[in-house]
């Protein structure tokens, strides 16, 4: 069975999520040393999601010396 064209995921359609899953939050907290192995997984502190904004590169005009 094939998938309809409207249901396919395109590379440009991937958006930045603003919420981590529990597993992602635990890994971030371990990196910040705020979570130990024996701690409860419920009631975790909030973790800021770092949003990366990509700046478009400026087009550099090549100057040709015609002299």
PDB file of N, CA and C in Angstrom:
ATOM      1  N   UNK A   1       0.844  -1.181   0.000  1.00  0.00           N
ATOM      2  CA  UNK A   1       0.000   0.000   0.000  1.00  0.00           C
ATOM      3  C   UNK A   1       0.888   1.242   0.000  1.00  0.00           C
ATOM      4  N   UNK A   2       0.543   2.231  -0.774  1.00  0.00           N
ATOM      5  CA  UNK A   2       1.340   3.448  -0.866  1.00  0.00           C
ATOM      6  C   UNK A   2       0.749   4.549   0.002  1.00  0.00           C
ATOM      7  N   UNK A   3       1.589   5.520   0.308  1.00  0.00           N
ATOM      8  CA  UNK A   3       1.169   6.661   1.113  1.00  0.00           C
ATOM      9  C   UNK A   3       0.826   7.814   0.174  1.00  0.00           C
ATOM     10  N   UNK A   4      -0.270   8.500   0.480  1.00  0.00           N
ATOM     11  CA  UNK A   4      -0.679   9.640  -0.317  1.00  0.00           C
ATOM     12  C   UNK A   4       0.374  10.743  -0.231  1.00  0.00           C
ATOM     13  N   UNK A   5       0.538  11.510  -1.295  1.00  0.00           N
ATOM     14  CA  UNK A   5       1.542  12.573  -1.338  1.00  0.00           C
ATOM     15  C   UNK A   5       1.337  13.603  -0.240  1.00  0.00           C
ATOM     16  N   UNK A   6       0.099  13.862   0.131  1.00  0.00           N
ATOM     17  CA  UNK A   6      -0.173  14.880   1.147  1.00  0.00           C
ATOM     18  C   UNK A   6       0.221  14.415   2.546  1.00  0.00           C
ATOM     19  N   UNK A   7       0.403  13.109   2.743  1.00  0.00           N
ATOM     20  CA  UNK A   7       0.740  12.595   4.062  1.00  0.00           C
ATOM     21  C   UNK A   7       2.231  12.371   4.262  1.00  0.00           C
ATOM     22  N   UNK A   8       3.017  12.501   3.220  1.00  0.00           N
ATOM     23  CA  UNK A   8       4.452  12.295   3.346  1.00  0.00           C
ATOM     24  C   UNK A   8       5.091  13.467   4.081  1.00  0.00           C
ATOM     25  N   UNK A   9       6.113  13.162   4.851  1.00  0.00           N
ATOM     26  CA  UNK A   9       6.821  14.192   5.600  1.00  0.00           C
ATOM     27  C   UNK A   9       7.953  14.716   4.731  1.00  0.00           C
ATOM     28  N   UNK A  10       7.976  16.007   4.561  1.00  0.00           N
ATOM     29  CA  UNK A  10       9.033  16.637   3.788  1.00  0.00           C
ATOM     30  C   UNK A  10      10.084  17.168   4.743  1.00  0.00           C
ATOM     31  N   UNK A  11      11.292  17.289   4.277  1.00  0.00           N
ATOM     32  CA  UNK A  11      12.392  17.743   5.133  1.00  0.00           C
ATOM     33  C   UNK A  11      12.160  19.169   5.626  1.00  0.00           C
ATOM     34  N   UNK A  12      11.521  20.016   4.840  1.00  0.00           N
ATOM     35  CA  UNK A  12      11.288  21.393   5.236  1.00  0.00           C
ATOM     36  C   UNK A  12      10.133  21.554   6.203  1.00  0.00           C
ATOM     37  N   UNK A  13       9.356  20.508   6.405  1.00  0.00           N
ATOM     38  CA  UNK A  13       8.185  20.605   7.260  1.00  0.00           C
ATOM     39  C   UNK A  13       8.491  20.313   8.720  1.00  0.00           C
ATOM     40  N   UNK A  14       9.729  19.953   9.042  1.00  0.00           N
ATOM     41  CA  UNK A  14      10.091  19.648  10.422  1.00  0.00           C
ATOM     42  C   UNK A  14      10.239  20.957  11.186  1.00  0.00           C
ATOM     43  N   UNK A  15       9.471  21.109  12.250  1.00  0.00           N
ATOM     44  CA  UNK A  15       9.491  22.336  13.035  1.00  0.00           C
ATOM     45  C   UNK A  15      10.160  22.087  14.374  1.00  0.00           C
ATOM     46  N   UNK A  16      10.590  23.144  15.004  1.00  0.00           N
ATOM     47  CA  UNK A  16      11.212  23.058  16.311  1.00  0.00           C
ATOM     48  C   UNK A  16      10.133  22.813  17.352  1.00  0.00           C
ATOM     49  N   UNK A  17      10.348  21.802  18.187  1.00  0.00           N
ATOM     50  CA  UNK A  17       9.400  21.538  19.266  1.00  0.00           C
ATOM     51  C   UNK A  17       9.734  22.427  20.450  1.00  0.00           C
ATOM     52  N   UNK A  18       8.746  22.778  21.238  1.00  0.00           N
ATOM     53  CA  UNK A  18       9.010  23.624  22.390  1.00  0.00           C
ATOM     54  C   UNK A  18       8.858  22.864  23.701  1.00  0.00           C
ATOM     55  N   UNK A  19       8.695  21.545  23.632  1.00  0.00           N
ATOM     56  CA  UNK A  19       8.552  20.737  24.838  1.00  0.00           C
ATOM     57  C   UNK A  19       9.402  19.485  24.672  1.00  0.00           C
ATOM     58  N   UNK A  20      10.169  19.133  25.715  1.00  0.00           N
ATOM     59  CA  UNK A  20      10.946  17.909  25.705  1.00  0.00           C
ATOM     60  C   UNK A  20      10.107  16.751  26.227  1.00  0.00           C
ATOM     61  N   UNK A  21      10.434  15.545  25.799  1.00  0.00           N
ATOM     62  CA  UNK A  21       9.830  14.356  26.389  1.00  0.00           C
ATOM     63  C   UNK A  21      10.499  14.117  27.740  1.00  0.00           C
ATOM     64  N   UNK A  22       9.952  13.217  28.533  1.00  0.00           N
ATOM     65  CA  UNK A  22      10.511  12.962  29.857  1.00  0.00           C
ATOM     66  C   UNK A  22      11.950  12.455  29.751  1.00  0.00           C
ATOM     67  N   UNK A  23      12.201  11.580  28.795  1.00  0.00           N
ATOM     68  CA  UNK A  23      13.555  11.040  28.630  1.00  0.00           C
ATOM     69  C   UNK A  23      14.538  12.138  28.240  1.00  0.00           C
ATOM     70  N   UNK A  24      14.121  13.041  27.369  1.00  0.00           N
ATOM     71  CA  UNK A  24      14.981  14.159  26.970  1.00  0.00           C
ATOM     72  C   UNK A  24      15.248  15.090  28.145  1.00  0.00           C
ATOM     73  N   UNK A  25      14.224  15.325  28.970  1.00  0.00           N
ATOM     74  CA  UNK A  25      14.401  16.187  30.141  1.00  0.00           C
ATOM     75  C   UNK A  25      15.377  15.570  31.122  1.00  0.00           C
ATOM     76  N   UNK A  26      15.298  14.257  31.310  1.00  0.00           N
ATOM     77  CA  UNK A  26      16.202  13.586  32.240  1.00  0.00           C
ATOM     78  C   UNK A  26      17.635  13.682  31.747  1.00  0.00           C
ATOM     79  N   UNK A  27      17.855  13.490  30.447  1.00  0.00           N
ATOM     80  CA  UNK A  27      19.219  13.596  29.922  1.00  0.00           C
ATOM     81  C   UNK A  27      19.767  15.014  30.076  1.00  0.00           C
ATOM     82  N   UNK A  28      18.919  16.034  29.834  1.00  0.00           N
ATOM     83  CA  UNK A  28      19.362  17.424  30.016  1.00  0.00           C
ATOM     84  C   UNK A  28      19.685  17.711  31.480  1.00  0.00           C
ATOM     85  N   UNK A  29      18.845  17.192  32.389  1.00  0.00           N
ATOM     86  CA  UNK A  29      19.088  17.408  33.815  1.00  0.00           C
ATOM     87  C   UNK A  29      20.353  16.694  34.269  1.00  0.00           C
ATOM     88  N   UNK A  30      20.641  15.524  33.696  1.00  0.00           N
ATOM     89  CA  UNK A  30      21.887  14.829  34.040  1.00  0.00           C
ATOM     90  C   UNK A  30      23.095  15.632  33.567  1.00  0.00           C
ATOM     91  N   UNK A  31      22.987  16.248  32.395  1.00  0.00           N
ATOM     92  CA  UNK A  31      24.080  17.080  31.892  1.00  0.00           C
ATOM     93  C   UNK A  31      24.330  18.273  32.814  1.00  0.00           C
ATOM     94  N   UNK A  32      23.242  18.831  33.365  1.00  0.00           N
ATOM     95  CA  UNK A  32      23.367  19.979  34.269  1.00  0.00           C
ATOM     96  C   UNK A  32      23.630  19.543  35.707  1.00  0.00           C
ATOM     97  N   UNK A  33      23.725  18.224  35.938  1.00  0.00           N
ATOM     98  CA  UNK A  33      23.963  17.640  37.259  1.00  0.00           C
ATOM     99  C   UNK A  33      22.865  18.003  38.251  1.00  0.00           C
ATOM    100  N   UNK A  34      21.627  17.994  37.788  1.00  0.00           N
ATOM    101  CA  UNK A  34      20.481  18.272  38.656  1.00  0.00           C
ATOM    102  C   UNK A  34      19.612  17.036  38.846  1.00  0.00           C
ATOM    103  N   UNK A  35      20.030  15.889  38.276  1.00  0.00           N
ATOM    104  CA  UNK A  35      19.263  14.657  38.387  1.00  0.00           C
ATOM    105  C   UNK A  35      20.212  13.515  38.694  1.00  0.00           C
ATOM    106  N   UNK A  36      19.851  12.702  39.709  1.00  0.00           N
ATOM    107  CA  UNK A  36      20.631  11.516  40.061  1.00  0.00           C
ATOM    108  C   UNK A  36      19.802  10.284  39.720  1.00  0.00           C
ATOM    109  N   UNK A  37      20.442   9.123  39.656  1.00  0.00           N
ATOM    110  CA  UNK A  37      19.773   7.886  39.265  1.00  0.00           C
ATOM    111  C   UNK A  37      18.638   7.507  40.216  1.00  0.00           C
ATOM    112  N   UNK A  38      18.718   7.822  41.472  1.00  0.00           N
ATOM    113  CA  UNK A  38      17.703   7.423  42.440  1.00  0.00           C
ATOM    114  C   UNK A  38      16.526   8.378  42.537  1.00  0.00           C
ATOM    115  N   UNK A  39      16.564   9.496  41.853  1.00  0.00           N
ATOM    116  CA  UNK A  39      15.491  10.496  41.946  1.00  0.00           C
ATOM    117  C   UNK A  39      14.221  10.013  41.257  1.00  0.00           C
ATOM    118  N   UNK A  40      13.107  10.613  41.668  1.00  0.00           N
ATOM    119  CA  UNK A  40      11.818  10.273  41.062  1.00  0.00           C
ATOM    120  C   UNK A  40      11.722  10.891  39.668  1.00  0.00           C
ATOM    121  N   UNK A  41      10.991  10.199  38.778  1.00  0.00           N
ATOM    122  CA  UNK A  41      10.855  10.711  37.414  1.00  0.00           C
ATOM    123  C   UNK A  41       9.628  11.595  37.250  1.00  0.00           C
ATOM    124  N   UNK A  42       8.827  11.679  38.297  1.00  0.00           N
ATOM    125  CA  UNK A  42       7.651  12.545  38.251  1.00  0.00           C
ATOM    126  C   UNK A  42       7.967  13.860  38.950  1.00  0.00           C
ATOM    127  N   UNK A  43       7.385  14.939  38.470  1.00  0.00           N
ATOM    128  CA  UNK A  43       7.609  16.242  39.083  1.00  0.00           C
ATOM    129  C   UNK A  43       8.991  16.787  38.789  1.00  0.00           C
ATOM    130  N   UNK A  44       9.470  16.548  37.593  1.00  0.00           N
ATOM    131  CA  UNK A  44      10.793  17.043  37.215  1.00  0.00           C
ATOM    132  C   UNK A  44      10.781  18.561  37.072  1.00  0.00           C
ATOM    133  N   UNK A  45      11.889  19.213  37.359  1.00  0.00           N
ATOM    134  CA  UNK A  45      11.944  20.661  37.152  1.00  0.00           C
ATOM    135  C   UNK A  45      11.903  20.999  35.663  1.00  0.00           C
ATOM    136  N   UNK A  46      11.536  22.230  35.386  1.00  0.00           N
ATOM    137  CA  UNK A  46      11.449  22.672  34.004  1.00  0.00           C
ATOM    138  C   UNK A  46      12.839  22.777  33.391  1.00  0.00           C
ATOM    139  N   UNK A  47      12.898  22.503  32.093  1.00  0.00           N
ATOM    140  CA  UNK A  47      14.148  22.591  31.354  1.00  0.00           C
ATOM    141  C   UNK A  47      13.911  23.494  30.162  1.00  0.00           C
ATOM    142  N   UNK A  48      14.751  24.505  30.031  1.00  0.00           N
ATOM    143  CA  UNK A  48      14.610  25.452  28.928  1.00  0.00           C
ATOM    144  C   UNK A  48      15.001  24.783  27.622  1.00  0.00           C
ATOM    145  N   UNK A  49      14.178  24.974  26.609  1.00  0.00           N
ATOM    146  CA  UNK A  49      14.448  24.451  25.282  1.00  0.00           C
ATOM    147  C   UNK A  49      15.224  25.511  24.509  1.00  0.00           C
ATOM    148  N   UNK A  50      16.394  25.149  24.039  1.00  0.00           N
ATOM    149  CA  UNK A  50      17.232  26.086  23.305  1.00  0.00           C
ATOM    150  C   UNK A  50      16.774  26.100  21.863  1.00  0.00           C
ATOM    151  N   UNK A  51      16.311  27.256  21.423  1.00  0.00           N
ATOM    152  CA  UNK A  51      15.871  27.397  20.050  1.00  0.00           C
ATOM    153  C   UNK A  51      17.020  27.944  19.227  1.00  0.00           C
ATOM    154  N   UNK A  52      17.325  27.257  18.160  1.00  0.00           N
ATOM    155  CA  UNK A  52      18.418  27.666  17.301  1.00  0.00           C
ATOM    156  C   UNK A  52      17.837  28.385  16.100  1.00  0.00           C
ATOM    157  N   UNK A  53      18.259  29.608  15.916  1.00  0.00           N
ATOM    158  CA  UNK A  53      17.806  30.347  14.743  1.00  0.00           C
ATOM    159  C   UNK A  53      18.964  30.423  13.766  1.00  0.00           C
ATOM    160  N   UNK A  54      18.735  29.925  12.592  1.00  0.00           N
ATOM    161  CA  UNK A  54      19.771  29.925  11.577  1.00  0.00           C
ATOM    162  C   UNK A  54      19.673  31.194  10.762  1.00  0.00           C
ATOM    163  N   UNK A  55      20.780  31.889  10.670  1.00  0.00           N
ATOM    164  CA  UNK A  55      20.804  33.102   9.872  1.00  0.00           C
ATOM    165  C   UNK A  55      21.196  32.743   8.451  1.00  0.00           C
ATOM    166  N   UNK A  56      20.561  33.384   7.520  1.00  0.00           N
ATOM    167  CA  UNK A  56      20.895  33.130   6.128  1.00  0.00           C
ATOM    168  C   UNK A  56      22.214  33.812   5.802  1.00  0.00           C
ATOM    169  N   UNK A  57      23.005  33.121   5.019  1.00  0.00           N
ATOM    170  CA  UNK A  57      24.301  33.678   4.641  1.00  0.00           C
ATOM    171  C   UNK A  57      24.101  34.786   3.626  1.00  0.00           C
ATOM    172  N   UNK A  58      24.855  35.848   3.821  1.00  0.00           N
ATOM    173  CA  UNK A  58      24.787  36.953   2.876  1.00  0.00           C
ATOM    174  C   UNK A  58      25.544  36.569   1.614  1.00  0.00           C
ATOM    175  N   UNK A  59      24.973  36.919   0.501  1.00  0.00           N
ATOM    176  CA  UNK A  59      25.634  36.627  -0.755  1.00  0.00           C
ATOM    177  C   UNK A  59      26.759  37.643  -0.967  1.00  0.00           C
ATOM    178  N   UNK A  60      27.932  37.144  -1.172  1.00  0.00           N
ATOM    179  CA  UNK A  60      29.090  37.988  -1.378  1.00  0.00           C
ATOM    180  C   UNK A  60      29.261  38.200  -2.866  1.00  0.00           C
ATOM    181  N   UNK A  61      29.234  39.439  -3.260  1.00  0.00           N
ATOM    182  CA  UNK A  61      29.410  39.763  -4.673  1.00  0.00           C
ATOM    183  C   UNK A  61      30.892  39.744  -4.989  1.00  0.00           C
ATOM    184  N   UNK A  62      31.239  39.001  -5.992  1.00  0.00           N
ATOM    185  CA  UNK A  62      32.636  38.941  -6.413  1.00  0.00           C
ATOM    186  C   UNK A  62      32.940  40.108  -7.312  1.00  0.00           C
ATOM    187  N   UNK A  63      33.941  40.847  -6.920  1.00  0.00           N
ATOM    188  CA  UNK A  63      34.331  42.001  -7.707  1.00  0.00           C
ATOM    189  C   UNK A  63      35.440  41.574  -8.674  1.00  0.00           C
ATOM    190  N   UNK A  64      35.201  41.811  -9.929  1.00  0.00           N
ATOM    191  CA  UNK A  64      36.184  41.435 -10.926  1.00  0.00           C
ATOM    192  C   UNK A  64      36.950  42.684 -11.324  1.00  0.00           C
ATOM    193  N   UNK A  65      38.246  42.544 -11.334  1.00  0.00           N
ATOM    194  CA  UNK A  65      39.087  43.659 -11.743  1.00  0.00           C
ATOM    195  C   UNK A  65      39.224  43.642 -13.252  1.00  0.00           C
ATOM    196  N   UNK A  66      38.631  44.582 -13.940  1.00  0.00           N
ATOM    197  CA  UNK A  66      38.665  44.638 -15.380  1.00  0.00           C
ATOM    198  C   UNK A  66      39.718  45.604 -15.900  1.00  0.00           C
ATOM    199  N   UNK A  67      40.620  46.025 -15.026  1.00  0.00           N
ATOM    200  CA  UNK A  67      41.636  46.985 -15.421  1.00  0.00           C
ATOM    201  C   UNK A  67      42.815  46.346 -16.085  1.00  0.00           C
TER     202      UNK A  67
END
